Amino acid sequence: MIHLALPLALLVAGPALAQQRPLPAGVTPTAEQDAVYRALSVRHESLSCDQLDAMSADPLGTYLFLIEHAEQPAWVGMRAARCVMVNHAEAAQPTLELWVTSPETRGLAILAMGQLDAMPVAVAKAVATKALTEGPDPEGMRRRVARAATPEIAALAELPVVAPAPAAE
């Protein structure tokens, strides 16, 4: 009976799944944003960040739009964020610093710590320092910063731990 229930459930839910929107209602991507979204949506990555950049006149803006709005598949936002870190870290430094200091963007902060070696050293140091001194999880970020291959970045893991400020009530 269980073996029949799953296919039956998929058959019934199939049309509903097909109608799910990848972006929230009311959010309309440009043709370039839609093209990059579709390229990032495939299950297995096939295009490099350089190839994705070439698909848009404003790749950073396109990536930030997708990070903010793409709801599914879940990896679209993370792949877009990786391209921000790899190809646009200098221009996106304020955004990267916001990601590592906000509890709401923990996944992006973890991704950023894993991409420190791909960023220009000055940007990586600034982002790592923010994560360690102003982020909600300095100890967790410390372990990630210590894994950086660039000694100058990994050395930041020795900064003193600063406890996050209590939330305002």
Protein backbone atom coordinates (compact mmCIF):
# COMPACT_ATOMS: atom_id res chain seq x y z
CA MET A 1 0.00 0.00 0.00
CA ILE A 2 2.81 2.43 0.85
CA HIS A 3 4.42 1.71 -2.52
CA LEU A 4 1.25 2.90 -4.27
CA ALA A 5 0.71 5.92 -2.03
CA LEU A 6 3.88 7.76 -3.04
CA PRO A 7 3.35 7.56 -6.83
CA LEU A 8 -0.29 8.49 -6.35
CA ALA A 9 0.70 11.49 -4.22
CA LEU A 10 3.20 12.58 -6.88
CA LEU A 11 0.60 12.20 -9.60
CA VAL A 12 -1.87 14.36 -7.67
CA ALA A 13 0.75 16.93 -6.60
CA GLY A 14 2.52 17.01 -9.97
CA PRO A 15 0.48 19.84 -11.48
CA ALA A 16 0.76 21.86 -8.25
CA LEU A 17 4.52 21.40 -8.21
CA ALA A 18 4.77 22.50 -11.81
CA GLN A 19 2.86 25.69 -11.02
CA GLN A 20 5.12 26.77 -8.15
CA ARG A 21 6.82 30.05 -8.90
CA PRO A 22 10.57 30.39 -8.60
CA LEU A 23 10.13 34.08 -7.66
CA PRO A 24 7.55 35.63 -5.33
CA ALA A 25 4.35 36.96 -6.88
CA GLY A 26 4.79 40.52 -8.05
CA VAL A 27 8.54 40.16 -8.62
CA THR A 28 9.34 40.35 -12.32
CA PRO A 29 12.91 39.68 -13.41
CA THR A 30 14.48 41.32 -16.42
CA ALA A 31 15.31 39.07 -19.36
CA GLU A 32 18.95 38.95 -18.20
CA GLN A 33 18.00 38.10 -14.61
CA ASP A 34 15.70 35.37 -15.90
CA ALA A 35 18.43 33.93 -18.13
CA VAL A 36 20.95 33.85 -15.26
CA TYR A 37 18.28 32.37 -12.97
CA ARG A 38 17.66 29.57 -15.46
CA ALA A 39 21.40 28.92 -15.83
CA LEU A 40 21.80 28.72 -12.05
CA SER A 41 18.71 26.54 -11.63
CA VAL A 42 20.10 23.41 -13.27
CA ARG A 43 20.82 20.66 -10.80
CA HIS A 44 24.52 20.38 -11.63
CA GLU A 45 26.50 23.55 -12.16
CA SER A 46 27.58 23.87 -15.74
CA LEU A 47 28.57 27.51 -16.25
CA SER A 48 31.42 29.36 -14.57
CA CYS A 49 30.91 32.70 -12.86
CA ASP A 50 32.70 34.35 -15.79
CA GLN A 51 30.22 32.79 -18.22
CA LEU A 52 27.30 33.86 -16.03
CA ASP A 53 28.73 37.40 -15.79
CA ALA A 54 28.71 37.59 -19.59
CA MET A 55 24.95 36.98 -19.60
CA SER A 56 24.18 40.31 -17.93
CA ALA A 57 25.11 43.95 -18.43
CA ASP A 58 25.02 44.27 -14.62
CA PRO A 59 26.12 40.89 -13.23
CA LEU A 60 26.43 42.09 -9.63
CA GLY A 61 22.94 43.59 -9.70
CA THR A 62 21.59 40.42 -11.29
CA TYR A 63 23.18 38.21 -8.63
CA LEU A 64 21.95 40.41 -5.78
CA PHE A 65 18.44 40.36 -7.26
CA LEU A 66 18.50 36.55 -7.41
CA ILE A 67 19.91 36.20 -3.90
CA GLU A 68 17.12 38.39 -2.60
CA HIS A 69 14.23 36.96 -4.62
CA ALA A 70 14.87 33.45 -5.98
CA GLU A 71 12.94 31.01 -3.80
CA GLN A 72 13.62 27.77 -5.61
CA PRO A 73 15.63 25.83 -6.28
CA ALA A 74 17.43 26.66 -3.07
CA TRP A 75 20.87 26.59 -4.65
CA VAL A 76 20.22 29.52 -7.02
CA GLY A 77 20.87 32.12 -4.33
CA MET A 78 23.96 30.34 -3.02
CA ARG A 79 25.47 29.94 -6.49
CA ALA A 80 24.75 33.61 -7.21
CA ALA A 81 26.37 34.57 -3.89
CA ARG A 82 29.46 32.54 -4.74
CA CYS A 83 29.81 34.49 -8.01
CA VAL A 84 29.47 37.74 -6.06
CA MET A 85 32.34 36.63 -3.81
CA VAL A 86 34.54 35.30 -6.59
CA ASN A 87 34.11 38.02 -9.23
CA HIS A 88 32.63 41.08 -7.50
CA ALA A 89 33.89 41.08 -3.91
CA GLU A 90 35.36 44.58 -4.02
CA ALA A 91 32.18 46.19 -5.34
CA ALA A 92 30.03 44.09 -3.02
CA GLN A 93 32.14 44.50 0.13
CA PRO A 94 29.45 46.42 2.07
CA THR A 95 26.91 43.70 1.21
CA LEU A 96 29.34 40.93 2.19
CA GLU A 97 29.92 42.67 5.52
CA LEU A 98 26.16 42.85 6.10
CA TRP A 99 25.85 39.12 5.36
CA VAL A 100 28.45 38.19 7.98
CA THR A 101 27.01 40.45 10.68
CA SER A 102 23.32 39.59 10.37
CA PRO A 103 21.75 36.53 12.02
CA GLU A 104 19.26 36.35 9.13
CA THR A 105 21.99 35.63 6.57
CA ARG A 106 23.89 32.87 8.38
CA GLY A 107 24.08 30.66 5.28
CA LEU A 108 25.60 33.48 3.25
CA ALA A 109 28.06 34.20 6.08
CA ILE A 110 29.19 30.58 6.13
CA LEU A 111 29.57 30.62 2.36
CA ALA A 112 31.59 33.84 2.57
CA MET A 113 33.98 32.31 5.09
CA GLY A 114 34.51 29.41 2.71
CA GLN A 115 35.29 31.81 -0.15
CA LEU A 116 37.78 34.05 1.67
CA ASP A 117 40.69 32.81 -0.43
CA ALA A 118 38.80 33.65 -3.64
CA MET A 119 38.37 37.30 -2.58
CA PRO A 120 41.02 40.01 -2.82
CA VAL A 121 43.03 39.86 0.42
CA ALA A 122 41.97 43.32 1.62
CA VAL A 123 38.28 42.49 1.14
CA ALA A 124 38.65 39.03 2.70
CA LYS A 125 40.37 40.52 5.75
CA ALA A 126 37.66 43.16 6.19
CA VAL A 127 34.84 40.62 5.80
CA ALA A 128 36.48 38.11 8.15
CA THR A 129 37.17 40.80 10.73
CA LYS A 130 33.51 41.90 10.65
CA ALA A 131 32.38 38.30 11.08
CA LEU A 132 34.71 37.83 14.04
CA THR A 133 34.00 41.12 15.79
CA GLU A 134 30.41 42.00 14.89
CA GLY A 135 28.83 38.76 13.70
CA PRO A 136 26.32 36.69 15.66
CA ASP A 137 28.58 33.59 15.76
CA PRO A 138 32.20 34.69 16.22
CA GLU A 139 33.39 31.27 17.44
CA GLY A 140 31.87 29.45 14.47
CA MET A 141 33.34 32.00 12.08
CA ARG A 142 36.73 31.75 13.82
CA ARG A 143 36.98 28.07 12.91
CA ARG A 144 36.13 28.86 9.31
CA VAL A 145 38.56 31.78 9.05
CA ALA A 146 41.34 29.58 10.46
CA ARG A 147 40.87 27.23 7.47
CA ALA A 148 41.81 29.92 4.94
CA ALA A 149 44.80 28.95 2.82
CA THR A 150 46.11 32.53 2.79
CA PRO A 151 48.18 32.89 5.99
CA GLU A 152 47.37 36.59 6.30
CA ILE A 153 43.65 35.75 6.39
CA ALA A 154 43.95 32.65 8.60
CA ALA A 155 45.90 34.72 11.14
CA LEU A 156 42.73 36.73 11.79
CA ALA A 157 41.36 33.72 13.64
CA GLU A 158 43.61 34.80 16.51
CA LEU A 159 41.64 38.03 17.05
CA PRO A 160 39.99 38.20 20.47
CA VAL A 161 36.41 36.99 20.56
CA VAL A 162 33.87 39.78 20.87
CA ALA A 163 30.49 38.64 22.13
CA PRO A 164 27.58 39.89 20.02
CA ALA A 165 25.62 42.75 21.56
CA PRO A 166 22.32 41.70 23.15
CA ALA A 167 19.28 42.29 21.00
CA ALA A 168 17.41 45.50 21.68
CA GLU A 169 13.97 45.00 23.14
